[in-house]
Amino acid sequence: MDLAENEKKNAVELAEAKLRNSLRELLLKKENELTAFKNNSERELKDKITSKDAIDGIDKTIKELQKTKEALLSSENNLRLANEKTEDLTIKKLTHGNPTMKSKFDELK
């Protein structure tokens, strides 16, 4: 092999080595990018799941509070109606037509 062929062979080997190193670096870079993407995607998914759980919990609490509100309003209405009925009560109305009470009042006269 003459000197020119030897230099060409060395140049080709050097170029191949540089190409292999560049490919390794590129592959490593892409693997790191893929790992970062996977980690980021996993974190975003966990955040979304956590957010969905929180939203579901809030929705459940709102429904429970709505039921409590309705029960309180119903109770308030029942108390108002009972109060209206008691304001209209008198001893005469409570004892009217009651034979025991009639006899007791008659005894007092």
PDB file of N, CA and C in Angstrom:
ATOM      1  N   MET A   1       0.849  -1.151   0.000  1.00  0.00           N
ATOM      2  CA  MET A   1       0.000   0.000   0.000  1.00  0.00           C
ATOM      3  C   MET A   1       0.904   1.225   0.000  1.00  0.00           C
ATOM      4  N   ASP A   2       0.592   2.107  -0.822  1.00  0.00           N
ATOM      5  CA  ASP A   2       1.435   3.296  -0.865  1.00  0.00           C
ATOM      6  C   ASP A   2       0.930   4.345   0.109  1.00  0.00           C
ATOM      7  N   LEU A   3       1.653   5.387   0.261  1.00  0.00           N
ATOM      8  CA  LEU A   3       1.380   6.446   1.227  1.00  0.00           C
ATOM      9  C   LEU A   3       0.049   7.132   0.955  1.00  0.00           C
ATOM     10  N   ALA A   4      -0.304   7.403  -0.248  1.00  0.00           N
ATOM     11  CA  ALA A   4      -1.551   8.082  -0.603  1.00  0.00           C
ATOM     12  C   ALA A   4      -2.748   7.215  -0.217  1.00  0.00           C
ATOM     13  N   GLU A   5      -2.649   5.926  -0.506  1.00  0.00           N
ATOM     14  CA  GLU A   5      -3.749   5.019  -0.145  1.00  0.00           C
ATOM     15  C   GLU A   5      -3.879   4.923   1.363  1.00  0.00           C
ATOM     16  N   ASN A   6      -2.757   4.898   2.047  1.00  0.00           N
ATOM     17  CA  ASN A   6      -2.760   4.820   3.501  1.00  0.00           C
ATOM     18  C   ASN A   6      -3.396   6.075   4.104  1.00  0.00           C
ATOM     19  N   GLU A   7      -3.106   7.223   3.558  1.00  0.00           N
ATOM     20  CA  GLU A   7      -3.701   8.474   4.041  1.00  0.00           C
ATOM     21  C   GLU A   7      -5.202   8.507   3.781  1.00  0.00           C
ATOM     22  N   LYS A   8      -5.590   7.997   2.604  1.00  0.00           N
ATOM     23  CA  LYS A   8      -7.025   7.931   2.289  1.00  0.00           C
ATOM     24  C   LYS A   8      -7.741   7.008   3.268  1.00  0.00           C
ATOM     25  N   LYS A   9      -7.106   5.865   3.540  1.00  0.00           N
ATOM     26  CA  LYS A   9      -7.697   4.886   4.469  1.00  0.00           C
ATOM     27  C   LYS A   9      -7.823   5.507   5.861  1.00  0.00           C
ATOM     28  N   ASN A  10      -6.786   6.190   6.300  1.00  0.00           N
ATOM     29  CA  ASN A  10      -6.818   6.850   7.611  1.00  0.00           C
ATOM     30  C   ASN A  10      -7.879   7.947   7.644  1.00  0.00           C
ATOM     31  N   ALA A  11      -8.010   8.686   6.558  1.00  0.00           N
ATOM     32  CA  ALA A  11      -9.007   9.757   6.483  1.00  0.00           C
ATOM     33  C   ALA A  11     -10.414   9.177   6.548  1.00  0.00           C
ATOM     34  N   VAL A  12     -10.619   8.056   5.848  1.00  0.00           N
ATOM     35  CA  VAL A  12     -11.924   7.407   5.865  1.00  0.00           C
ATOM     36  C   VAL A  12     -12.228   6.880   7.262  1.00  0.00           C
ATOM     37  N   GLU A  13     -11.239   6.244   7.906  1.00  0.00           N
ATOM     38  CA  GLU A  13     -11.424   5.718   9.259  1.00  0.00           C
ATOM     39  C   GLU A  13     -11.712   6.850  10.245  1.00  0.00           C
ATOM     40  N   LEU A  14     -11.016   7.949  10.093  1.00  0.00           N
ATOM     41  CA  LEU A  14     -11.237   9.110  10.956  1.00  0.00           C
ATOM     42  C   LEU A  14     -12.640   9.677  10.749  1.00  0.00           C
ATOM     43  N   ALA A  15     -13.056   9.768   9.478  1.00  0.00           N
ATOM     44  CA  ALA A  15     -14.401  10.276   9.171  1.00  0.00           C
ATOM     45  C   ALA A  15     -15.459   9.344   9.742  1.00  0.00           C
ATOM     46  N   GLU A  16     -15.220   8.022   9.610  1.00  0.00           N
ATOM     47  CA  GLU A  16     -16.166   7.049  10.164  1.00  0.00           C
ATOM     48  C   GLU A  16     -16.242   7.172  11.679  1.00  0.00           C
ATOM     49  N   ALA A  17     -15.099   7.336  12.347  1.00  0.00           N
ATOM     50  CA  ALA A  17     -15.069   7.492  13.801  1.00  0.00           C
ATOM     51  C   ALA A  17     -15.815   8.751  14.223  1.00  0.00           C
ATOM     52  N   LYS A  18     -15.590   9.848  13.501  1.00  0.00           N
ATOM     53  CA  LYS A  18     -16.305  11.097  13.812  1.00  0.00           C
ATOM     54  C   LYS A  18     -17.810  10.916  13.619  1.00  0.00           C
ATOM     55  N   LEU A  19     -18.186  10.209  12.549  1.00  0.00           N
ATOM     56  CA  LEU A  19     -19.599   9.969  12.272  1.00  0.00           C
ATOM     57  C   LEU A  19     -20.220   9.112  13.372  1.00  0.00           C
ATOM     58  N   ARG A  20     -19.490   8.037  13.802  1.00  0.00           N
ATOM     59  CA  ARG A  20     -19.985   7.189  14.892  1.00  0.00           C
ATOM     60  C   ARG A  20     -20.170   8.013  16.169  1.00  0.00           C
ATOM     61  N   ASN A  21     -19.188   8.859  16.490  1.00  0.00           N
ATOM     62  CA  ASN A  21     -19.292   9.707  17.697  1.00  0.00           C
ATOM     63  C   ASN A  21     -20.471  10.674  17.581  1.00  0.00           C
ATOM     64  N   SER A  22     -20.642  11.255  16.422  1.00  0.00           N
ATOM     65  CA  SER A  22     -21.767  12.178  16.219  1.00  0.00           C
ATOM     66  C   SER A  22     -23.096  11.448  16.364  1.00  0.00           C
ATOM     67  N   LEU A  23     -23.161  10.231  15.808  1.00  0.00           N
ATOM     68  CA  LEU A  23     -24.398   9.446  15.919  1.00  0.00           C
ATOM     69  C   LEU A  23     -24.672   9.063  17.363  1.00  0.00           C
ATOM     70  N   ARG A  24     -23.600   8.676  18.121  1.00  0.00           N
ATOM     71  CA  ARG A  24     -23.767   8.342  19.544  1.00  0.00           C
ATOM     72  C   ARG A  24     -24.282   9.557  20.319  1.00  0.00           C
ATOM     73  N   GLU A  25     -23.694  10.707  20.068  1.00  0.00           N
ATOM     74  CA  GLU A  25     -24.108  11.937  20.749  1.00  0.00           C
ATOM     75  C   GLU A  25     -25.559  12.282  20.407  1.00  0.00           C
ATOM     76  N   LEU A  26     -25.904  12.147  19.129  1.00  0.00           N
ATOM     77  CA  LEU A  26     -27.268  12.435  18.701  1.00  0.00           C
ATOM     78  C   LEU A  26     -28.251  11.452  19.334  1.00  0.00           C
ATOM     79  N   LEU A  27     -27.877  10.171  19.352  1.00  0.00           N
ATOM     80  CA  LEU A  27     -28.727   9.150  19.956  1.00  0.00           C
ATOM     81  C   LEU A  27     -28.902   9.423  21.449  1.00  0.00           C
ATOM     82  N   LEU A  28     -27.827   9.747  22.143  1.00  0.00           N
ATOM     83  CA  LEU A  28     -27.901  10.057  23.568  1.00  0.00           C
ATOM     84  C   LEU A  28     -28.793  11.273  23.818  1.00  0.00           C
ATOM     85  N   LYS A  29     -28.625  12.293  22.979  1.00  0.00           N
ATOM     86  CA  LYS A  29     -29.448  13.503  23.106  1.00  0.00           C
ATOM     87  C   LYS A  29     -30.924  13.168  22.924  1.00  0.00           C
ATOM     88  N   LYS A  30     -31.232  12.367  21.903  1.00  0.00           N
ATOM     89  CA  LYS A  30     -32.629  12.003  21.632  1.00  0.00           C
ATOM     90  C   LYS A  30     -33.194  11.120  22.742  1.00  0.00           C
ATOM     91  N   GLU A  31     -32.376  10.223  23.294  1.00  0.00           N
ATOM     92  CA  GLU A  31     -32.822   9.398  24.419  1.00  0.00           C
ATOM     93  C   GLU A  31     -33.134  10.274  25.629  1.00  0.00           C
ATOM     94  N   ASN A  32     -32.290  11.260  25.876  1.00  0.00           N
ATOM     95  CA  ASN A  32     -32.535  12.182  26.999  1.00  0.00           C
ATOM     96  C   ASN A  32     -33.815  12.996  26.773  1.00  0.00           C
ATOM     97  N   GLU A  33     -34.022  13.436  25.547  1.00  0.00           N
ATOM     98  CA  GLU A  33     -35.243  14.181  25.228  1.00  0.00           C
ATOM     99  C   GLU A  33     -36.470  13.296  25.421  1.00  0.00           C
ATOM    100  N   LEU A  34     -36.378  12.038  24.999  1.00  0.00           N
ATOM    101  CA  LEU A  34     -37.499  11.106  25.149  1.00  0.00           C
ATOM    102  C   LEU A  34     -37.786  10.850  26.623  1.00  0.00           C
ATOM    103  N   THR A  35     -36.735  10.668  27.413  1.00  0.00           N
ATOM    104  CA  THR A  35     -36.912  10.461  28.854  1.00  0.00           C
ATOM    105  C   THR A  35     -37.566  11.680  29.496  1.00  0.00           C
ATOM    106  N   ALA A  36     -37.105  12.860  29.123  1.00  0.00           N
ATOM    107  CA  ALA A  36     -37.699  14.088  29.663  1.00  0.00           C
ATOM    108  C   ALA A  36     -39.164  14.199  29.258  1.00  0.00           C
ATOM    109  N   PHE A  37     -39.479  13.859  28.023  1.00  0.00           N
ATOM    110  CA  PHE A  37     -40.864  13.899  27.548  1.00  0.00           C
ATOM    111  C   PHE A  37     -41.734  12.929  28.339  1.00  0.00           C
ATOM    112  N   LYS A  38     -41.226  11.705  28.546  1.00  0.00           N
ATOM    113  CA  LYS A  38     -41.978  10.705  29.318  1.00  0.00           C
ATOM    114  C   LYS A  38     -42.233  11.193  30.741  1.00  0.00           C
ATOM    115  N   ASN A  39     -41.191  11.723  31.382  1.00  0.00           N
ATOM    116  CA  ASN A  39     -41.342  12.223  32.754  1.00  0.00           C
ATOM    117  C   ASN A  39     -42.339  13.368  32.820  1.00  0.00           C
ATOM    118  N   ASN A  40     -42.251  14.271  31.861  1.00  0.00           N
ATOM    119  CA  ASN A  40     -43.165  15.410  31.824  1.00  0.00           C
ATOM    120  C   ASN A  40     -44.598  14.940  31.593  1.00  0.00           C
ATOM    121  N   SER A  41     -44.771  13.994  30.677  1.00  0.00           N
ATOM    122  CA  SER A  41     -46.108  13.474  30.384  1.00  0.00           C
ATOM    123  C   SER A  41     -46.696  12.781  31.610  1.00  0.00           C
ATOM    124  N   GLU A  42     -45.864  12.011  32.292  1.00  0.00           N
ATOM    125  CA  GLU A  42     -46.315  11.311  33.494  1.00  0.00           C
ATOM    126  C   GLU A  42     -46.736  12.307  34.574  1.00  0.00           C
ATOM    127  N   ARG A  43     -45.937  13.359  34.752  1.00  0.00           N
ATOM    128  CA  ARG A  43     -46.258  14.381  35.756  1.00  0.00           C
ATOM    129  C   ARG A  43     -47.554  15.101  35.396  1.00  0.00           C
ATOM    130  N   GLU A  44     -47.723  15.435  34.108  1.00  0.00           N
ATOM    131  CA  GLU A  44     -48.946  16.116  33.672  1.00  0.00           C
ATOM    132  C   GLU A  44     -50.164  15.223  33.887  1.00  0.00           C
ATOM    133  N   LEU A  45     -50.010  13.924  33.611  1.00  0.00           N
ATOM    134  CA  LEU A  45     -51.109  12.992  33.813  1.00  0.00           C
ATOM    135  C   LEU A  45     -51.486  12.912  35.290  1.00  0.00           C
ATOM    136  N   LYS A  46     -50.486  12.839  36.156  1.00  0.00           N
ATOM    137  CA  LYS A  46     -50.756  12.802  37.604  1.00  0.00           C
ATOM    138  C   LYS A  46     -51.453  14.081  38.045  1.00  0.00           C
ATOM    139  N   ASP A  47     -51.005  15.223  37.504  1.00  0.00           N
ATOM    140  CA  ASP A  47     -51.636  16.499  37.847  1.00  0.00           C
ATOM    141  C   ASP A  47     -53.091  16.522  37.402  1.00  0.00           C
ATOM    142  N   LYS A  48     -53.350  16.002  36.197  1.00  0.00           N
ATOM    143  CA  LYS A  48     -54.727  15.985  35.697  1.00  0.00           C
ATOM    144  C   LYS A  48     -55.593  15.060  36.529  1.00  0.00           C
ATOM    145  N   ILE A  49     -55.045  13.896  36.912  1.00  0.00           N
ATOM    146  CA  ILE A  49     -55.804  12.957  37.745  1.00  0.00           C
ATOM    147  C   ILE A  49     -56.109  13.603  39.094  1.00  0.00           C
ATOM    148  N   THR A  50     -55.110  14.251  39.671  1.00  0.00           N
ATOM    149  CA  THR A  50     -55.306  14.930  40.952  1.00  0.00           C
ATOM    150  C   THR A  50     -56.338  16.041  40.809  1.00  0.00           C
ATOM    151  N   SER A  51     -56.268  16.797  39.725  1.00  0.00           N
ATOM    152  CA  SER A  51     -57.233  17.869  39.487  1.00  0.00           C
ATOM    153  C   SER A  51     -58.637  17.299  39.320  1.00  0.00           C
ATOM    154  N   LYS A  52     -58.757  16.190  38.585  1.00  0.00           N
ATOM    155  CA  LYS A  52     -60.070  15.583  38.386  1.00  0.00           C
ATOM    156  C   LYS A  52     -60.632  15.097  39.715  1.00  0.00           C
ATOM    157  N   ASP A  53     -59.790  14.477  40.550  1.00  0.00           N
ATOM    158  CA  ASP A  53     -60.239  14.033  41.871  1.00  0.00           C
ATOM    159  C   ASP A  53     -60.713  15.220  42.697  1.00  0.00           C
ATOM    160  N   ALA A  54     -59.979  16.322  42.632  1.00  0.00           N
ATOM    161  CA  ALA A  54     -60.360  17.517  43.389  1.00  0.00           C
ATOM    162  C   ALA A  54     -61.687  18.072  42.883  1.00  0.00           C
ATOM    163  N   ILE A  55     -61.860  18.112  41.564  1.00  0.00           N
ATOM    164  CA  ILE A  55     -63.109  18.621  40.977  1.00  0.00           C
ATOM    165  C   ILE A  55     -64.272  17.709  41.357  1.00  0.00           C
ATOM    166  N   ASP A  56     -64.051  16.404  41.301  1.00  0.00           N
ATOM    167  CA  ASP A  56     -65.106  15.459  41.697  1.00  0.00           C
ATOM    168  C   ASP A  56     -65.478  15.658  43.161  1.00  0.00           C
ATOM    169  N   GLY A  57     -64.478  15.878  44.008  1.00  0.00           N
ATOM    170  CA  GLY A  57     -64.738  16.124  45.430  1.00  0.00           C
ATOM    171  C   GLY A  57     -65.530  17.403  45.639  1.00  0.00           C
ATOM    172  N   ILE A  58     -65.189  18.441  44.898  1.00  0.00           N
ATOM    173  CA  ILE A  58     -65.916  19.715  44.996  1.00  0.00           C
ATOM    174  C   ILE A  58     -67.355  19.529  44.539  1.00  0.00           C
ATOM    175  N   ASP A  59     -67.549  18.815  43.420  1.00  0.00           N
ATOM    176  CA  ASP A  59     -68.906  18.561  42.927  1.00  0.00           C
ATOM    177  C   ASP A  59     -69.730  17.803  43.966  1.00  0.00           C
ATOM    178  N   LYS A  60     -69.127  16.806  44.594  1.00  0.00           N
ATOM    179  CA  LYS A  60     -69.824  16.021  45.624  1.00  0.00           C
ATOM    180  C   LYS A  60     -70.199  16.917  46.808  1.00  0.00           C
ATOM    181  N   THR A  61     -69.284  17.758  47.227  1.00  0.00           N
ATOM    182  CA  THR A  61     -69.544  18.663  48.342  1.00  0.00           C
ATOM    183  C   THR A  61     -70.667  19.642  47.998  1.00  0.00           C
ATOM    184  N   ILE A  62     -70.657  20.156  46.771  1.00  0.00           N
ATOM    185  CA  ILE A  62     -71.718  21.073  46.337  1.00  0.00           C
ATOM    186  C   ILE A  62     -73.072  20.381  46.394  1.00  0.00           C
ATOM    187  N   LYS A  63     -73.149  19.146  45.924  1.00  0.00           N
ATOM    188  CA  LYS A  63     -74.421  18.408  45.969  1.00  0.00           C
ATOM    189  C   LYS A  63     -74.885  18.211  47.405  1.00  0.00           C
ATOM    190  N   GLU A  64     -73.933  17.845  48.294  1.00  0.00           N
ATOM    191  CA  GLU A  64     -74.301  17.654  49.707  1.00  0.00           C
ATOM    192  C   GLU A  64     -74.771  18.971  50.329  1.00  0.00           C
ATOM    193  N   LEU A  65     -74.097  20.056  50.005  1.00  0.00           N
ATOM    194  CA  LEU A  65     -74.498  21.363  50.533  1.00  0.00           C
ATOM    195  C   LEU A  65     -75.867  21.779  49.990  1.00  0.00           C
ATOM    196  N   GLN A  66     -76.144  21.452  48.728  1.00  0.00           N
ATOM    197  CA  GLN A  66     -77.446  21.770  48.140  1.00  0.00           C
ATOM    198  C   GLN A  66     -78.553  21.004  48.877  1.00  0.00           C
ATOM    199  N   LYS A  67     -78.295  19.729  49.181  1.00  0.00           N
ATOM    200  CA  LYS A  67     -79.281  18.937  49.924  1.00  0.00           C
ATOM    201  C   LYS A  67     -79.501  19.522  51.317  1.00  0.00           C
ATOM    202  N   THR A  68     -78.417  19.941  51.956  1.00  0.00           N
ATOM    203  CA  THR A  68     -78.527  20.547  53.283  1.00  0.00           C
ATOM    204  C   THR A  68     -79.316  21.851  53.206  1.00  0.00           C
ATOM    205  N   LYS A  69     -79.057  22.642  52.179  1.00  0.00           N
ATOM    206  CA  LYS A  69     -79.783  23.906  51.985  1.00  0.00           C
ATOM    207  C   LYS A  69     -81.278  23.632  51.827  1.00  0.00           C
ATOM    208  N   GLU A  70     -81.605  22.649  50.985  1.00  0.00           N
ATOM    209  CA  GLU A  70     -83.019  22.316  50.765  1.00  0.00           C
ATOM    210  C   GLU A  70     -83.677  21.842  52.055  1.00  0.00           C
ATOM    211  N   ALA A  71     -82.957  21.031  52.828  1.00  0.00           N
ATOM    212  CA  ALA A  71     -83.505  20.555  54.103  1.00  0.00           C
ATOM    213  C   ALA A  71     -83.719  21.715  55.067  1.00  0.00           C
ATOM    214  N   LEU A  72     -82.786  22.648  55.114  1.00  0.00           N
ATOM    215  CA  LEU A  72     -82.932  23.806  56.003  1.00  0.00           C
ATOM    216  C   LEU A  72     -84.089  24.699  55.569  1.00  0.00           C
ATOM    217  N   LEU A  73     -84.231  24.907  54.267  1.00  0.00           N
ATOM    218  CA  LEU A  73     -85.344  25.723  53.777  1.00  0.00           C
ATOM    219  C   LEU A  73     -86.680  25.056  54.073  1.00  0.00           C
ATOM    220  N   SER A  74     -86.734  23.753  53.906  1.00  0.00           N
ATOM    221  CA  SER A  74     -87.961  23.009  54.210  1.00  0.00           C
ATOM    222  C   SER A  74     -88.271  23.093  55.701  1.00  0.00           C
ATOM    223  N   SER A  75     -87.256  22.930  56.517  1.00  0.00           N
ATOM    224  CA  SER A  75     -87.426  23.019  57.965  1.00  0.00           C
ATOM    225  C   SER A  75     -87.887  24.413  58.365  1.00  0.00           C
ATOM    226  N   GLU A  76     -87.269  25.425  57.750  1.00  0.00           N
ATOM    227  CA  GLU A  76     -87.652  26.808  58.036  1.00  0.00           C
ATOM    228  C   GLU A  76     -89.112  27.044  57.660  1.00  0.00           C
ATOM    229  N   ASN A  77     -89.526  26.523  56.528  1.00  0.00           N
ATOM    230  CA  ASN A  77     -90.906  26.678  56.090  1.00  0.00           C
ATOM    231  C   ASN A  77     -91.860  25.973  57.054  1.00  0.00           C
ATOM    232  N   ASN A  78     -91.490  24.761  57.476  1.00  0.00           N
ATOM    233  CA  ASN A  78     -92.344  24.026  58.426  1.00  0.00           C
ATOM    234  C   ASN A  78     -92.452  24.767  59.755  1.00  0.00           C
ATOM    235  N   LEU A  79     -91.351  25.340  60.214  1.00  0.00           N
ATOM    236  CA  LEU A  79     -91.392  26.119  61.459  1.00  0.00           C
ATOM    237  C   LEU A  79     -92.263  27.359  61.301  1.00  0.00           C
ATOM    238  N   ARG A  80     -92.177  28.013  60.142  1.00  0.00           N
ATOM    239  CA  ARG A  80     -93.006  29.198  59.896  1.00  0.00           C
ATOM    240  C   ARG A  80     -94.484  28.821  59.922  1.00  0.00           C
ATOM    241  N   LEU A  81     -94.836  27.715  59.256  1.00  0.00           N
ATOM    242  CA  LEU A  81     -96.233  27.273  59.246  1.00  0.00           C
ATOM    243  C   LEU A  81     -96.714  26.908  60.647  1.00  0.00           C
ATOM    244  N   ALA A  82     -95.866  26.221  61.409  1.00  0.00           N
ATOM    245  CA  ALA A  82     -96.231  25.849  62.779  1.00  0.00           C
ATOM    246  C   ALA A  82     -96.406  27.098  63.632  1.00  0.00           C
ATOM    247  N   ASN A  83     -95.552  28.081  63.441  1.00  0.00           N
ATOM    248  CA  ASN A  83     -95.657  29.320  64.201  1.00  0.00           C
ATOM    249  C   ASN A  83     -96.955  30.052  63.865  1.00  0.00           C
ATOM    250  N   GLU A  84     -97.312  30.078  62.585  1.00  0.00           N
ATOM    251  CA  GLU A  84     -98.567  30.717  62.183  1.00  0.00           C
ATOM    252  C   GLU A  84     -99.761  30.021  62.828  1.00  0.00           C
ATOM    253  N   LYS A  85     -99.721  28.712  62.898  1.00  0.00           N
ATOM    254  CA  LYS A  85    -100.833  27.965  63.507  1.00  0.00           C
ATOM    255  C   LYS A  85    -100.897  28.210  65.005  1.00  0.00           C
ATOM    256  N   THR A  86     -99.744  28.298  65.678  1.00  0.00           N
ATOM    257  CA  THR A  86     -99.763  28.524  67.131  1.00  0.00           C
ATOM    258  C   THR A  86    -100.200  29.938  67.474  1.00  0.00           C
ATOM    259  N   GLU A  87     -99.951  30.895  66.597  1.00  0.00           N
ATOM    260  CA  GLU A  87    -100.399  32.261  66.864  1.00  0.00           C
ATOM    261  C   GLU A  87    -101.920  32.353  66.839  1.00  0.00           C
ATOM    262  N   ASP A  88    -102.551  31.464  66.116  1.00  0.00           N
ATOM    263  CA  ASP A  88    -104.004  31.482  65.993  1.00  0.00           C
ATOM    264  C   ASP A  88    -104.686  30.645  67.080  1.00  0.00           C
ATOM    265  N   LEU A  89    -103.917  29.986  67.936  1.00  0.00           N
ATOM    266  CA  LEU A  89    -104.502  29.128  68.972  1.00  0.00           C
ATOM    267  C   LEU A  89    -104.982  29.939  70.173  1.00  0.00           C
ATOM    268  N   THR A  90    -106.083  29.478  70.733  1.00  0.00           N
ATOM    269  CA  THR A  90    -106.580  30.046  71.987  1.00  0.00           C
ATOM    270  C   THR A  90    -107.015  28.886  72.859  1.00  0.00           C
ATOM    271  N   ILE A  91    -107.201  29.161  74.153  1.00  0.00           N
ATOM    272  CA  ILE A  91    -107.668  28.115  75.066  1.00  0.00           C
ATOM    273  C   ILE A  91    -109.048  27.644  74.629  1.00  0.00           C
ATOM    274  N   LYS A  92    -109.860  28.589  74.204  1.00  0.00           N
ATOM    275  CA  LYS A  92    -111.221  28.243  73.783  1.00  0.00           C
ATOM    276  C   LYS A  92    -111.182  27.283  72.593  1.00  0.00           C
ATOM    277  N   LYS A  93    -110.307  27.563  71.614  1.00  0.00           N
ATOM    278  CA  LYS A  93    -110.205  26.686  70.442  1.00  0.00           C
ATOM    279  C   LYS A  93    -109.647  25.315  70.815  1.00  0.00           C
ATOM    280  N   LEU A  94    -108.734  25.284  71.768  1.00  0.00           N
ATOM    281  CA  LEU A  94    -108.142  24.008  72.177  1.00  0.00           C
ATOM    282  C   LEU A  94    -109.128  23.133  72.956  1.00  0.00           C
ATOM    283  N   THR A  95    -110.039  23.785  73.691  1.00  0.00           N
ATOM    284  CA  THR A  95    -110.957  23.019  74.558  1.00  0.00           C
ATOM    285  C   THR A  95    -112.350  22.867  73.976  1.00  0.00           C
ATOM    286  N   HIS A  96    -112.647  23.525  72.867  1.00  0.00           N
ATOM    287  CA  HIS A  96    -113.977  23.475  72.264  1.00  0.00           C
ATOM    288  C   HIS A  96    -114.347  22.039  71.869  1.00  0.00           C
ATOM    289  N   GLY A  97    -115.493  21.586  72.352  1.00  0.00           N
ATOM    290  CA  GLY A  97    -115.981  20.256  72.026  1.00  0.00           C
ATOM    291  C   GLY A  97    -115.343  19.152  72.866  1.00  0.00           C
ATOM    292  N   ASN A  98    -114.546  19.513  73.866  1.00  0.00           N
ATOM    293  CA  ASN A  98    -113.910  18.508  74.710  1.00  0.00           C
ATOM    294  C   ASN A  98    -114.753  18.378  75.975  1.00  0.00           C
ATOM    295  N   PRO A  99    -115.445  17.233  76.168  1.00  0.00           N
ATOM    296  CA  PRO A  99    -116.358  17.096  77.314  1.00  0.00           C
ATOM    297  C   PRO A  99    -115.654  17.192  78.670  1.00  0.00           C
ATOM    298  N   THR A 100    -114.457  16.689  78.772  1.00  0.00           N
ATOM    299  CA  THR A 100    -113.730  16.753  80.039  1.00  0.00           C
ATOM    300  C   THR A 100    -113.448  18.200  80.400  1.00  0.00           C
ATOM    301  N   MET A 101    -112.984  18.958  79.460  1.00  0.00           N
ATOM    302  CA  MET A 101    -112.671  20.355  79.717  1.00  0.00           C
ATOM    303  C   MET A 101    -113.944  21.155  79.981  1.00  0.00           C
ATOM    304  N   LYS A 102    -115.040  20.817  79.308  1.00  0.00           N
ATOM    305  CA  LYS A 102    -116.311  21.514  79.537  1.00  0.00           C
ATOM    306  C   LYS A 102    -116.768  21.324  80.977  1.00  0.00           C
ATOM    307  N   SER A 103    -116.642  20.086  81.456  1.00  0.00           N
ATOM    308  CA  SER A 103    -117.065  19.819  82.846  1.00  0.00           C
ATOM    309  C   SER A 103    -116.162  20.542  83.843  1.00  0.00           C
ATOM    310  N   LYS A 104    -114.876  20.623  83.564  1.00  0.00           N
ATOM    311  CA  LYS A 104    -113.953  21.312  84.462  1.00  0.00           C
ATOM    312  C   LYS A 104    -114.281  22.812  84.519  1.00  0.00           C
ATOM    313  N   PHE A 105    -114.611  23.402  83.368  1.00  0.00           N
ATOM    314  CA  PHE A 105    -114.970  24.812  83.337  1.00  0.00           C
ATOM    315  C   PHE A 105    -116.305  25.043  84.043  1.00  0.00           C
ATOM    316  N   ASP A 106    -117.215  24.096  83.866  1.00  0.00           N
ATOM    317  CA  ASP A 106    -118.509  24.211  84.534  1.00  0.00           C
ATOM    318  C   ASP A 106    -118.344  24.164  86.048  1.00  0.00           C
ATOM    319  N   GLU A 107    -117.411  23.349  86.509  1.00  0.00           N
ATOM    320  CA  GLU A 107    -117.140  23.247  87.950  1.00  0.00           C
ATOM    321  C   GLU A 107    -116.594  24.563  88.488  1.00  0.00           C
ATOM    322  N   LEU A 108    -115.855  25.277  87.671  1.00  0.00           N
ATOM    323  CA  LEU A 108    -115.279  26.544  88.101  1.00  0.00           C
ATOM    324  C   LEU A 108    -116.316  27.648  88.229  1.00  0.00           C
ATOM    325  N   LYS A 109    -117.448  27.564  87.550  1.00  0.00           N
ATOM    326  CA  LYS A 109    -118.450  28.608  87.571  1.00  0.00           C
ATOM    327  C   LYS A 109    -119.245  28.618  88.809  1.00  0.00           C
TER     328      LYS A 109
END
